[in-house]
Amino acid sequence: MLYAGEPNSLSWWAAALPFAAWIIGPTVAPFLIARRKPRPWFSVTMLLYVIVSSAISGLAYYDAFFQSKASTAALVMVFIPLYQWLALILLLLLCFGVAAWLSQRRKYSS
């Protein structure tokens, strides 16, 4: 973003900061979410998500920016975060389902 933009212009920063949040968000959000949940298995799940998601997206960014000669390679800056956000939402739904199942199991076993 800095290479292609005009960081001396204040209006450029106004447009670039939301885009930067879109790109960085899928890595920061699991940390913030895990801090709110006291269950250790949930924190481990979020950590594993960050590790796997960062590795896969890092490979995709490397391929797009250093290996690809396509003119549309910069679209990974839009689509990789989209896939990361969708994966995080699906993982959170799965985790909430597991938490509900565990609480029901404890209720009936008591």
PDB file of N, CA and C in Angstrom:
ATOM      1  N   MET A   1       0.818  -1.188   0.000  1.00  0.00           N
ATOM      2  CA  MET A   1       0.000   0.000   0.000  1.00  0.00           C
ATOM      3  C   MET A   1       0.864   1.255   0.000  1.00  0.00           C
ATOM      4  N   LEU A   2       1.916   1.231   0.793  1.00  0.00           N
ATOM      5  CA  LEU A   2       2.786   2.407   0.856  1.00  0.00           C
ATOM      6  C   LEU A   2       3.520   2.627  -0.454  1.00  0.00           C
ATOM      7  N   TYR A   3       3.900   1.544  -1.105  1.00  0.00           N
ATOM      8  CA  TYR A   3       4.640   1.659  -2.356  1.00  0.00           C
ATOM      9  C   TYR A   3       3.777   2.268  -3.460  1.00  0.00           C
ATOM     10  N   ALA A   4       2.521   1.847  -3.529  1.00  0.00           N
ATOM     11  CA  ALA A   4       1.652   2.292  -4.616  1.00  0.00           C
ATOM     12  C   ALA A   4       0.898   3.583  -4.297  1.00  0.00           C
ATOM     13  N   GLY A   5       0.883   3.973  -3.034  1.00  0.00           N
ATOM     14  CA  GLY A   5       0.070   5.123  -2.658  1.00  0.00           C
ATOM     15  C   GLY A   5       0.850   6.409  -2.525  1.00  0.00           C
ATOM     16  N   GLU A   6       0.197   7.384  -1.950  1.00  0.00           N
ATOM     17  CA  GLU A   6       0.799   8.689  -1.699  1.00  0.00           C
ATOM     18  C   GLU A   6       0.734   8.986  -0.198  1.00  0.00           C
ATOM     19  N   PRO A   7       1.663   8.435   0.590  1.00  0.00           N
ATOM     20  CA  PRO A   7       1.584   8.599   2.040  1.00  0.00           C
ATOM     21  C   PRO A   7       1.753  10.034   2.527  1.00  0.00           C
ATOM     22  N   ASN A   8       2.135  10.970   1.670  1.00  0.00           N
ATOM     23  CA  ASN A   8       2.250  12.375   2.062  1.00  0.00           C
ATOM     24  C   ASN A   8       0.890  13.064   2.113  1.00  0.00           C
ATOM     25  N   SER A   9      -0.108  12.449   1.504  1.00  0.00           N
ATOM     26  CA  SER A   9      -1.443  13.038   1.442  1.00  0.00           C
ATOM     27  C   SER A   9      -2.312  12.512   2.584  1.00  0.00           C
ATOM     28  N   LEU A  10      -2.975  13.398   3.289  1.00  0.00           N
ATOM     29  CA  LEU A  10      -3.847  13.011   4.389  1.00  0.00           C
ATOM     30  C   LEU A  10      -5.059  12.229   3.896  1.00  0.00           C
ATOM     31  N   SER A  11      -5.573  12.565   2.738  1.00  0.00           N
ATOM     32  CA  SER A  11      -6.719  11.834   2.194  1.00  0.00           C
ATOM     33  C   SER A  11      -6.346  10.394   1.839  1.00  0.00           C
ATOM     34  N   TRP A  12      -5.099  10.182   1.456  1.00  0.00           N
ATOM     35  CA  TRP A  12      -4.661   8.813   1.169  1.00  0.00           C
ATOM     36  C   TRP A  12      -4.710   7.972   2.440  1.00  0.00           C
ATOM     37  N   TRP A  13      -4.269   8.528   3.561  1.00  0.00           N
ATOM     38  CA  TRP A  13      -4.307   7.800   4.831  1.00  0.00           C
ATOM     39  C   TRP A  13      -5.737   7.487   5.234  1.00  0.00           C
ATOM     40  N   ALA A  14      -6.663   8.408   4.994  1.00  0.00           N
ATOM     41  CA  ALA A  14      -8.071   8.175   5.331  1.00  0.00           C
ATOM     42  C   ALA A  14      -8.630   6.985   4.553  1.00  0.00           C
ATOM     43  N   ALA A  15      -8.173   6.794   3.343  1.00  0.00           N
ATOM     44  CA  ALA A  15      -8.634   5.663   2.540  1.00  0.00           C
ATOM     45  C   ALA A  15      -7.832   4.401   2.822  1.00  0.00           C
ATOM     46  N   ALA A  16      -6.577   4.534   3.207  1.00  0.00           N
ATOM     47  CA  ALA A  16      -5.712   3.371   3.388  1.00  0.00           C
ATOM     48  C   ALA A  16      -5.909   2.684   4.738  1.00  0.00           C
ATOM     49  N   LEU A  17      -6.240   3.425   5.775  1.00  0.00           N
ATOM     50  CA  LEU A  17      -6.362   2.817   7.101  1.00  0.00           C
ATOM     51  C   LEU A  17      -7.475   1.776   7.203  1.00  0.00           C
ATOM     52  N   PRO A  18      -8.666   2.003   6.656  1.00  0.00           N
ATOM     53  CA  PRO A  18      -9.669   0.925   6.683  1.00  0.00           C
ATOM     54  C   PRO A  18      -9.221  -0.308   5.897  1.00  0.00           C
ATOM     55  N   PHE A  19      -8.549  -0.092   4.798  1.00  0.00           N
ATOM     56  CA  PHE A  19      -8.043  -1.216   4.015  1.00  0.00           C
ATOM     57  C   PHE A  19      -6.972  -1.976   4.793  1.00  0.00           C
ATOM     58  N   ALA A  20      -6.112  -1.257   5.493  1.00  0.00           N
ATOM     59  CA  ALA A  20      -5.097  -1.910   6.325  1.00  0.00           C
ATOM     60  C   ALA A  20      -5.750  -2.704   7.452  1.00  0.00           C
ATOM     61  N   ALA A  21      -6.819  -2.168   8.041  1.00  0.00           N
ATOM     62  CA  ALA A  21      -7.547  -2.906   9.087  1.00  0.00           C
ATOM     63  C   ALA A  21      -8.177  -4.170   8.519  1.00  0.00           C
ATOM     64  N   TRP A  22      -8.662  -4.103   7.281  1.00  0.00           N
ATOM     65  CA  TRP A  22      -9.236  -5.270   6.606  1.00  0.00           C
ATOM     66  C   TRP A  22      -8.173  -6.370   6.448  1.00  0.00           C
ATOM     67  N   ILE A  23      -6.957  -5.964   6.120  1.00  0.00           N
ATOM     68  CA  ILE A  23      -5.885  -6.934   5.884  1.00  0.00           C
ATOM     69  C   ILE A  23      -5.335  -7.495   7.188  1.00  0.00           C
ATOM     70  N   ILE A  24      -5.172  -6.654   8.190  1.00  0.00           N
ATOM     71  CA  ILE A  24      -4.566  -7.076   9.459  1.00  0.00           C
ATOM     72  C   ILE A  24      -5.595  -7.709  10.399  1.00  0.00           C
ATOM     73  N   GLY A  25      -6.845  -7.351  10.245  1.00  0.00           N
ATOM     74  CA  GLY A  25      -7.902  -7.798  11.144  1.00  0.00           C
ATOM     75  C   GLY A  25      -7.996  -9.289  11.398  1.00  0.00           C
ATOM     76  N   PRO A  26      -7.904 -10.150  10.379  1.00  0.00           N
ATOM     77  CA  PRO A  26      -8.036 -11.582  10.630  1.00  0.00           C
ATOM     78  C   PRO A  26      -6.925 -12.165  11.509  1.00  0.00           C
ATOM     79  N   THR A  27      -5.843 -11.438  11.669  1.00  0.00           N
ATOM     80  CA  THR A  27      -4.776 -11.896  12.556  1.00  0.00           C
ATOM     81  C   THR A  27      -4.942 -11.338  13.962  1.00  0.00           C
ATOM     82  N   VAL A  28      -5.474 -10.149  14.082  1.00  0.00           N
ATOM     83  CA  VAL A  28      -5.644  -9.511  15.384  1.00  0.00           C
ATOM     84  C   VAL A  28      -6.925  -9.984  16.074  1.00  0.00           C
ATOM     85  N   ALA A  29      -7.987 -10.195  15.319  1.00  0.00           N
ATOM     86  CA  ALA A  29      -9.284 -10.562  15.890  1.00  0.00           C
ATOM     87  C   ALA A  29      -9.235 -11.825  16.747  1.00  0.00           C
ATOM     88  N   PRO A  30      -8.578 -12.916  16.329  1.00  0.00           N
ATOM     89  CA  PRO A  30      -8.546 -14.106  17.193  1.00  0.00           C
ATOM     90  C   PRO A  30      -7.882 -13.845  18.552  1.00  0.00           C
ATOM     91  N   PHE A  31      -6.860 -13.002  18.557  1.00  0.00           N
ATOM     92  CA  PHE A  31      -6.219 -12.652  19.824  1.00  0.00           C
ATOM     93  C   PHE A  31      -7.196 -11.927  20.733  1.00  0.00           C
ATOM     94  N   LEU A  32      -7.903 -10.949  20.189  1.00  0.00           N
ATOM     95  CA  LEU A  32      -8.862 -10.180  20.991  1.00  0.00           C
ATOM     96  C   LEU A  32     -10.027 -11.048  21.459  1.00  0.00           C
ATOM     97  N   ILE A  33     -10.469 -11.951  20.601  1.00  0.00           N
ATOM     98  CA  ILE A  33     -11.565 -12.850  20.971  1.00  0.00           C
ATOM     99  C   ILE A  33     -11.111 -13.834  22.042  1.00  0.00           C
ATOM    100  N   ALA A  34      -9.911 -14.382  21.902  1.00  0.00           N
ATOM    101  CA  ALA A  34      -9.407 -15.370  22.861  1.00  0.00           C
ATOM    102  C   ALA A  34      -9.211 -14.765  24.244  1.00  0.00           C
ATOM    103  N   ARG A  35      -8.919 -13.490  24.310  1.00  0.00           N
ATOM    104  CA  ARG A  35      -8.742 -12.831  25.609  1.00  0.00           C
ATOM    105  C   ARG A  35     -10.049 -12.764  26.385  1.00  0.00           C
ATOM    106  N   ARG A  36     -11.177 -12.810  25.695  1.00  0.00           N
ATOM    107  CA  ARG A  36     -12.477 -12.702  26.353  1.00  0.00           C
ATOM    108  C   ARG A  36     -13.017 -14.049  26.809  1.00  0.00           C
ATOM    109  N   LYS A  37     -12.472 -15.143  26.336  1.00  0.00           N
ATOM    110  CA  LYS A  37     -12.955 -16.480  26.684  1.00  0.00           C
ATOM    111  C   LYS A  37     -11.978 -17.146  27.645  1.00  0.00           C
ATOM    112  N   PRO A  38     -12.445 -17.593  28.806  1.00  0.00           N
ATOM    113  CA  PRO A  38     -11.530 -18.177  29.795  1.00  0.00           C
ATOM    114  C   PRO A  38     -11.124 -19.623  29.512  1.00  0.00           C
ATOM    115  N   ARG A  39     -11.756 -20.267  28.553  1.00  0.00           N
ATOM    116  CA  ARG A  39     -11.457 -21.683  28.307  1.00  0.00           C
ATOM    117  C   ARG A  39     -10.112 -21.845  27.602  1.00  0.00           C
ATOM    118  N   PRO A  40      -9.223 -22.679  28.151  1.00  0.00           N
ATOM    119  CA  PRO A  40      -7.904 -22.876  27.530  1.00  0.00           C
ATOM    120  C   PRO A  40      -7.994 -23.483  26.128  1.00  0.00           C
ATOM    121  N   TRP A  41      -8.920 -24.402  25.898  1.00  0.00           N
ATOM    122  CA  TRP A  41      -9.021 -25.031  24.580  1.00  0.00           C
ATOM    123  C   TRP A  41      -9.407 -24.002  23.523  1.00  0.00           C
ATOM    124  N   PHE A  42     -10.169 -22.993  23.909  1.00  0.00           N
ATOM    125  CA  PHE A  42     -10.557 -21.958  22.958  1.00  0.00           C
ATOM    126  C   PHE A  42      -9.356 -21.104  22.569  1.00  0.00           C
ATOM    127  N   SER A  43      -8.526 -20.760  23.543  1.00  0.00           N
ATOM    128  CA  SER A  43      -7.322 -19.973  23.254  1.00  0.00           C
ATOM    129  C   SER A  43      -6.363 -20.746  22.356  1.00  0.00           C
ATOM    130  N   VAL A  44      -6.238 -22.043  22.606  1.00  0.00           N
ATOM    131  CA  VAL A  44      -5.368 -22.877  21.769  1.00  0.00           C
ATOM    132  C   VAL A  44      -5.924 -22.952  20.348  1.00  0.00           C
ATOM    133  N   THR A  45      -7.234 -23.060  20.234  1.00  0.00           N
ATOM    134  CA  THR A  45      -7.866 -23.102  18.909  1.00  0.00           C
ATOM    135  C   THR A  45      -7.609 -21.813  18.135  1.00  0.00           C
ATOM    136  N   MET A  46      -7.736 -20.680  18.807  1.00  0.00           N
ATOM    137  CA  MET A  46      -7.481 -19.401  18.146  1.00  0.00           C
ATOM    138  C   MET A  46      -6.003 -19.263  17.752  1.00  0.00           C
ATOM    139  N   LEU A  47      -5.107 -19.743  18.605  1.00  0.00           N
ATOM    140  CA  LEU A  47      -3.679 -19.708  18.281  1.00  0.00           C
ATOM    141  C   LEU A  47      -3.385 -20.576  17.059  1.00  0.00           C
ATOM    142  N   LEU A  48      -3.967 -21.761  17.011  1.00  0.00           N
ATOM    143  CA  LEU A  48      -3.765 -22.630  15.852  1.00  0.00           C
ATOM    144  C   LEU A  48      -4.336 -22.007  14.581  1.00  0.00           C
ATOM    145  N   TYR A  49      -5.483 -21.333  14.708  1.00  0.00           N
ATOM    146  CA  TYR A  49      -6.049 -20.632  13.552  1.00  0.00           C
ATOM    147  C   TYR A  49      -5.068 -19.587  13.037  1.00  0.00           C
ATOM    148  N   VAL A  50      -4.501 -18.785  13.949  1.00  0.00           N
ATOM    149  CA  VAL A  50      -3.572 -17.730  13.536  1.00  0.00           C
ATOM    150  C   VAL A  50      -2.348 -18.330  12.851  1.00  0.00           C
ATOM    151  N   ILE A  51      -1.824 -19.414  13.393  1.00  0.00           N
ATOM    152  CA  ILE A  51      -0.638 -20.039  12.808  1.00  0.00           C
ATOM    153  C   ILE A  51      -0.938 -20.568  11.405  1.00  0.00           C
ATOM    154  N   VAL A  52      -2.003 -21.339  11.275  1.00  0.00           N
ATOM    155  CA  VAL A  52      -2.335 -21.935   9.973  1.00  0.00           C
ATOM    156  C   VAL A  52      -2.740 -20.856   8.970  1.00  0.00           C
ATOM    157  N   SER A  53      -3.573 -19.928   9.400  1.00  0.00           N
ATOM    158  CA  SER A  53      -4.034 -18.862   8.508  1.00  0.00           C
ATOM    159  C   SER A  53      -2.878 -17.981   8.044  1.00  0.00           C
ATOM    160  N   SER A  54      -1.985 -17.647   8.954  1.00  0.00           N
ATOM    161  CA  SER A  54      -0.845 -16.803   8.583  1.00  0.00           C
ATOM    162  C   SER A  54       0.105 -17.525   7.634  1.00  0.00           C
ATOM    163  N   ALA A  55       0.305 -18.812   7.860  1.00  0.00           N
ATOM    164  CA  ALA A  55       1.192 -19.575   6.980  1.00  0.00           C
ATOM    165  C   ALA A  55       0.613 -19.664   5.566  1.00  0.00           C
ATOM    166  N   ILE A  56      -0.665 -20.000   5.481  1.00  0.00           N
ATOM    167  CA  ILE A  56      -1.289 -20.135   4.162  1.00  0.00           C
ATOM    168  C   ILE A  56      -1.359 -18.788   3.446  1.00  0.00           C
ATOM    169  N   SER A  57      -1.756 -17.743   4.170  1.00  0.00           N
ATOM    170  CA  SER A  57      -1.843 -16.431   3.524  1.00  0.00           C
ATOM    171  C   SER A  57      -0.460 -15.898   3.172  1.00  0.00           C
ATOM    172  N   GLY A  58       0.539 -16.180   3.984  1.00  0.00           N
ATOM    173  CA  GLY A  58       1.898 -15.770   3.657  1.00  0.00           C
ATOM    174  C   GLY A  58       2.381 -16.402   2.365  1.00  0.00           C
ATOM    175  N   LEU A  59       2.075 -17.682   2.195  1.00  0.00           N
ATOM    176  CA  LEU A  59       2.435 -18.356   0.939  1.00  0.00           C
ATOM    177  C   LEU A  59       1.682 -17.747  -0.251  1.00  0.00           C
ATOM    178  N   ALA A  60       0.403 -17.436  -0.046  1.00  0.00           N
ATOM    179  CA  ALA A  60      -0.379 -16.834  -1.139  1.00  0.00           C
ATOM    180  C   ALA A  60       0.147 -15.447  -1.489  1.00  0.00           C
ATOM    181  N   TYR A  61       0.480 -14.650  -0.471  1.00  0.00           N
ATOM    182  CA  TYR A  61       1.047 -13.323  -0.739  1.00  0.00           C
ATOM    183  C   TYR A  61       2.402 -13.431  -1.437  1.00  0.00           C
ATOM    184  N   TYR A  62       3.217 -14.371  -0.997  1.00  0.00           N
ATOM    185  CA  TYR A  62       4.519 -14.561  -1.634  1.00  0.00           C
ATOM    186  C   TYR A  62       4.338 -14.935  -3.104  1.00  0.00           C
ATOM    187  N   ASP A  63       3.444 -15.868  -3.363  1.00  0.00           N
ATOM    188  CA  ASP A  63       3.206 -16.302  -4.730  1.00  0.00           C
ATOM    189  C   ASP A  63       2.680 -15.148  -5.587  1.00  0.00           C
ATOM    190  N   ALA A  64       1.777 -14.361  -5.022  1.00  0.00           N
ATOM    191  CA  ALA A  64       1.172 -13.278  -5.803  1.00  0.00           C
ATOM    192  C   ALA A  64       2.156 -12.143  -6.085  1.00  0.00           C
ATOM    193  N   PHE A  65       2.978 -11.805  -5.095  1.00  0.00           N
ATOM    194  CA  PHE A  65       3.816 -10.617  -5.261  1.00  0.00           C
ATOM    195  C   PHE A  65       5.227 -10.895  -5.763  1.00  0.00           C
ATOM    196  N   PHE A  66       5.723 -12.113  -5.575  1.00  0.00           N
ATOM    197  CA  PHE A  66       7.095 -12.401  -5.987  1.00  0.00           C
ATOM    198  C   PHE A  66       7.200 -13.420  -7.114  1.00  0.00           C
ATOM    199  N   GLN A  67       6.182 -14.249  -7.284  1.00  0.00           N
ATOM    200  CA  GLN A  67       6.244 -15.282  -8.312  1.00  0.00           C
ATOM    201  C   GLN A  67       5.360 -14.959  -9.521  1.00  0.00           C
ATOM    202  N   SER A  68       4.221 -14.351  -9.283  1.00  0.00           N
ATOM    203  CA  SER A  68       3.240 -14.126 -10.335  1.00  0.00           C
ATOM    204  C   SER A  68       3.617 -12.928 -11.205  1.00  0.00           C
ATOM    205  N   LYS A  69       3.310 -13.054 -12.451  1.00  0.00           N
ATOM    206  CA  LYS A  69       3.505 -11.948 -13.394  1.00  0.00           C
ATOM    207  C   LYS A  69       2.152 -11.366 -13.824  1.00  0.00           C
ATOM    208  N   ALA A  70       1.064 -11.839 -13.205  1.00  0.00           N
ATOM    209  CA  ALA A  70      -0.274 -11.399 -13.596  1.00  0.00           C
ATOM    210  C   ALA A  70      -0.539  -9.977 -13.116  1.00  0.00           C
ATOM    211  N   SER A  71      -1.304  -9.265 -13.893  1.00  0.00           N
ATOM    212  CA  SER A  71      -1.635  -7.888 -13.531  1.00  0.00           C
ATOM    213  C   SER A  71      -2.685  -7.834 -12.424  1.00  0.00           C
ATOM    214  N   THR A  72      -3.356  -8.933 -12.175  1.00  0.00           N
ATOM    215  CA  THR A  72      -4.402  -8.969 -11.143  1.00  0.00           C
ATOM    216  C   THR A  72      -3.914  -9.582  -9.832  1.00  0.00           C
ATOM    217  N   ALA A  73      -2.627  -9.739  -9.670  1.00  0.00           N
ATOM    218  CA  ALA A  73      -2.086 -10.376  -8.475  1.00  0.00           C
ATOM    219  C   ALA A  73      -2.386  -9.583  -7.207  1.00  0.00           C
ATOM    220  N   ALA A  74      -2.543  -8.287  -7.319  1.00  0.00           N
ATOM    221  CA  ALA A  74      -2.815  -7.458  -6.142  1.00  0.00           C
ATOM    222  C   ALA A  74      -4.200  -7.718  -5.559  1.00  0.00           C
ATOM    223  N   LEU A  75      -5.046  -8.415  -6.282  1.00  0.00           N
ATOM    224  CA  LEU A  75      -6.367  -8.741  -5.745  1.00  0.00           C
ATOM    225  C   LEU A  75      -6.298  -9.666  -4.536  1.00  0.00           C
ATOM    226  N   VAL A  76      -5.148 -10.296  -4.322  1.00  0.00           N
ATOM    227  CA  VAL A  76      -5.018 -11.116  -3.110  1.00  0.00           C
ATOM    228  C   VAL A  76      -5.157 -10.262  -1.860  1.00  0.00           C
ATOM    229  N   MET A  77      -4.863  -8.972  -1.956  1.00  0.00           N
ATOM    230  CA  MET A  77      -5.014  -8.078  -0.802  1.00  0.00           C
ATOM    231  C   MET A  77      -6.479  -7.921  -0.406  1.00  0.00           C
ATOM    232  N   VAL A  78      -7.379  -8.236  -1.307  1.00  0.00           N
ATOM    233  CA  VAL A  78      -8.811  -8.184  -1.012  1.00  0.00           C
ATOM    234  C   VAL A  78      -9.337  -9.557  -0.650  1.00  0.00           C
ATOM    235  N   PHE A  79      -8.945 -10.578  -1.427  1.00  0.00           N
ATOM    236  CA  PHE A  79      -9.570 -11.877  -1.276  1.00  0.00           C
ATOM    237  C   PHE A  79      -8.973 -12.745  -0.172  1.00  0.00           C
ATOM    238  N   ILE A  80      -7.695 -12.670   0.086  1.00  0.00           N
ATOM    239  CA  ILE A  80      -7.118 -13.470   1.171  1.00  0.00           C
ATOM    240  C   ILE A  80      -7.726 -13.076   2.515  1.00  0.00           C
ATOM    241  N   PRO A  81      -7.821 -11.780   2.853  1.00  0.00           N
ATOM    242  CA  PRO A  81      -8.497 -11.438   4.115  1.00  0.00           C
ATOM    243  C   PRO A  81      -9.966 -11.885   4.146  1.00  0.00           C
ATOM    244  N   LEU A  82     -10.642 -11.822   2.994  1.00  0.00           N
ATOM    245  CA  LEU A  82     -12.026 -12.292   2.941  1.00  0.00           C
ATOM    246  C   LEU A  82     -12.099 -13.764   3.336  1.00  0.00           C
ATOM    247  N   TYR A  83     -11.221 -14.579   2.768  1.00  0.00           N
ATOM    248  CA  TYR A  83     -11.202 -16.006   3.105  1.00  0.00           C
ATOM    249  C   TYR A  83     -10.815 -16.214   4.569  1.00  0.00           C
ATOM    250  N   GLN A  84      -9.909 -15.398   5.084  1.00  0.00           N
ATOM    251  CA  GLN A  84      -9.524 -15.513   6.489  1.00  0.00           C
ATOM    252  C   GLN A  84     -10.690 -15.160   7.401  1.00  0.00           C
ATOM    253  N   TRP A  85     -11.413 -14.093   7.081  1.00  0.00           N
ATOM    254  CA  TRP A  85     -12.571 -13.721   7.887  1.00  0.00           C
ATOM    255  C   TRP A  85     -13.629 -14.818   7.856  1.00  0.00           C
ATOM    256  N   LEU A  86     -13.892 -15.377   6.685  1.00  0.00           N
ATOM    257  CA  LEU A  86     -14.880 -16.458   6.585  1.00  0.00           C
ATOM    258  C   LEU A  86     -14.439 -17.685   7.369  1.00  0.00           C
ATOM    259  N   ALA A  87     -13.168 -18.027   7.295  1.00  0.00           N
ATOM    260  CA  ALA A  87     -12.660 -19.173   8.057  1.00  0.00           C
ATOM    261  C   ALA A  87     -12.775 -18.915   9.561  1.00  0.00           C
ATOM    262  N   LEU A  88     -12.501 -17.690   9.985  1.00  0.00           N
ATOM    263  CA  LEU A  88     -12.616 -17.353  11.403  1.00  0.00           C
ATOM    264  C   LEU A  88     -14.064 -17.442  11.863  1.00  0.00           C
ATOM    265  N   ILE A  89     -14.994 -16.971  11.068  1.00  0.00           N
ATOM    266  CA  ILE A  89     -16.410 -17.043  11.427  1.00  0.00           C
ATOM    267  C   ILE A  89     -16.857 -18.493  11.544  1.00  0.00           C
ATOM    268  N   LEU A  90     -16.457 -19.329  10.588  1.00  0.00           N
ATOM    269  CA  LEU A  90     -16.815 -20.746  10.654  1.00  0.00           C
ATOM    270  C   LEU A  90     -16.194 -21.422  11.870  1.00  0.00           C
ATOM    271  N   LEU A  91     -14.952 -21.089  12.171  1.00  0.00           N
ATOM    272  CA  LEU A  91     -14.293 -21.666  13.337  1.00  0.00           C
ATOM    273  C   LEU A  91     -14.975 -21.215  14.628  1.00  0.00           C
ATOM    274  N   LEU A  92     -15.371 -19.955  14.701  1.00  0.00           N
ATOM    275  CA  LEU A  92     -16.081 -19.467  15.885  1.00  0.00           C
ATOM    276  C   LEU A  92     -17.426 -20.159  16.051  1.00  0.00           C
ATOM    277  N   LEU A  93     -18.157 -20.357  14.962  1.00  0.00           N
ATOM    278  CA  LEU A  93     -19.421 -21.089  15.042  1.00  0.00           C
ATOM    279  C   LEU A  93     -19.191 -22.511  15.543  1.00  0.00           C
ATOM    280  N   LEU A  94     -18.153 -23.154  15.056  1.00  0.00           N
ATOM    281  CA  LEU A  94     -17.811 -24.496  15.506  1.00  0.00           C
ATOM    282  C   LEU A  94     -17.454 -24.499  16.994  1.00  0.00           C
ATOM    283  N   CYS A  95     -16.663 -23.528  17.425  1.00  0.00           N
ATOM    284  CA  CYS A  95     -16.268 -23.438  18.836  1.00  0.00           C
ATOM    285  C   CYS A  95     -17.459 -23.181  19.740  1.00  0.00           C
ATOM    286  N   PHE A  96     -18.364 -22.308  19.313  1.00  0.00           N
ATOM    287  CA  PHE A  96     -19.554 -22.046  20.123  1.00  0.00           C
ATOM    288  C   PHE A  96     -20.447 -23.276  20.180  1.00  0.00           C
ATOM    289  N   GLY A  97     -20.506 -24.030  19.100  1.00  0.00           N
ATOM    290  CA  GLY A  97     -21.251 -25.289  19.110  1.00  0.00           C
ATOM    291  C   GLY A  97     -20.640 -26.298  20.060  1.00  0.00           C
ATOM    292  N   VAL A  98     -19.328 -26.412  20.054  1.00  0.00           N
ATOM    293  CA  VAL A  98     -18.642 -27.324  20.970  1.00  0.00           C
ATOM    294  C   VAL A  98     -18.848 -26.876  22.412  1.00  0.00           C
ATOM    295  N   ALA A  99     -18.775 -25.588  22.671  1.00  0.00           N
ATOM    296  CA  ALA A  99     -18.992 -25.079  24.032  1.00  0.00           C
ATOM    297  C   ALA A  99     -20.408 -25.371  24.502  1.00  0.00           C
ATOM    298  N   ALA A 100     -21.391 -25.197  23.634  1.00  0.00           N
ATOM    299  CA  ALA A 100     -22.774 -25.503  23.994  1.00  0.00           C
ATOM    300  C   ALA A 100     -22.943 -26.995  24.258  1.00  0.00           C
ATOM    301  N   TRP A 101     -22.330 -27.811  23.421  1.00  0.00           N
ATOM    302  CA  TRP A 101     -22.406 -29.254  23.607  1.00  0.00           C
ATOM    303  C   TRP A 101     -21.762 -29.670  24.926  1.00  0.00           C
ATOM    304  N   LEU A 102     -20.606 -29.094  25.249  1.00  0.00           N
ATOM    305  CA  LEU A 102     -19.935 -29.420  26.509  1.00  0.00           C
ATOM    306  C   LEU A 102     -20.756 -28.982  27.716  1.00  0.00           C
ATOM    307  N   SER A 103     -21.396 -27.820  27.652  1.00  0.00           N
ATOM    308  CA  SER A 103     -22.204 -27.366  28.772  1.00  0.00           C
ATOM    309  C   SER A 103     -23.451 -28.246  28.942  1.00  0.00           C
ATOM    310  N   GLN A 104     -24.044 -28.690  27.844  1.00  0.00           N
ATOM    311  CA  GLN A 104     -25.184 -29.617  27.924  1.00  0.00           C
ATOM    312  C   GLN A 104     -24.754 -30.955  28.493  1.00  0.00           C
ATOM    313  N   ARG A 105     -23.616 -31.415  28.093  1.00  0.00           N
ATOM    314  CA  ARG A 105     -23.089 -32.699  28.582  1.00  0.00           C
ATOM    315  C   ARG A 105     -22.836 -32.649  30.083  1.00  0.00           C
ATOM    316  N   ARG A 106     -22.272 -31.532  30.547  1.00  0.00           N
ATOM    317  CA  ARG A 106     -22.031 -31.377  31.987  1.00  0.00           C
ATOM    318  C   ARG A 106     -23.330 -31.284  32.765  1.00  0.00           C
ATOM    319  N   LYS A 107     -24.319 -30.646  32.173  1.00  0.00           N
ATOM    320  CA  LYS A 107     -25.607 -30.490  32.840  1.00  0.00           C
ATOM    321  C   LYS A 107     -26.276 -31.838  33.062  1.00  0.00           C
ATOM    322  N   TYR A 108     -26.215 -32.711  32.050  1.00  0.00           N
ATOM    323  CA  TYR A 108     -26.879 -34.005  32.148  1.00  0.00           C
ATOM    324  C   TYR A 108     -26.053 -35.037  32.927  1.00  0.00           C
ATOM    325  N   SER A 109     -24.750 -34.848  33.014  1.00  0.00           N
ATOM    326  CA  SER A 109     -23.920 -35.809  33.739  1.00  0.00           C
ATOM    327  C   SER A 109     -23.883 -35.497  35.235  1.00  0.00           C
ATOM    328  N   SER A 110     -24.346 -34.313  35.633  1.00  0.00           N
ATOM    329  CA  SER A 110     -24.329 -33.939  37.051  1.00  0.00           C
ATOM    330  C   SER A 110     -25.484 -34.509  37.819  1.00  0.00           C
TER     331      SER A 110
END
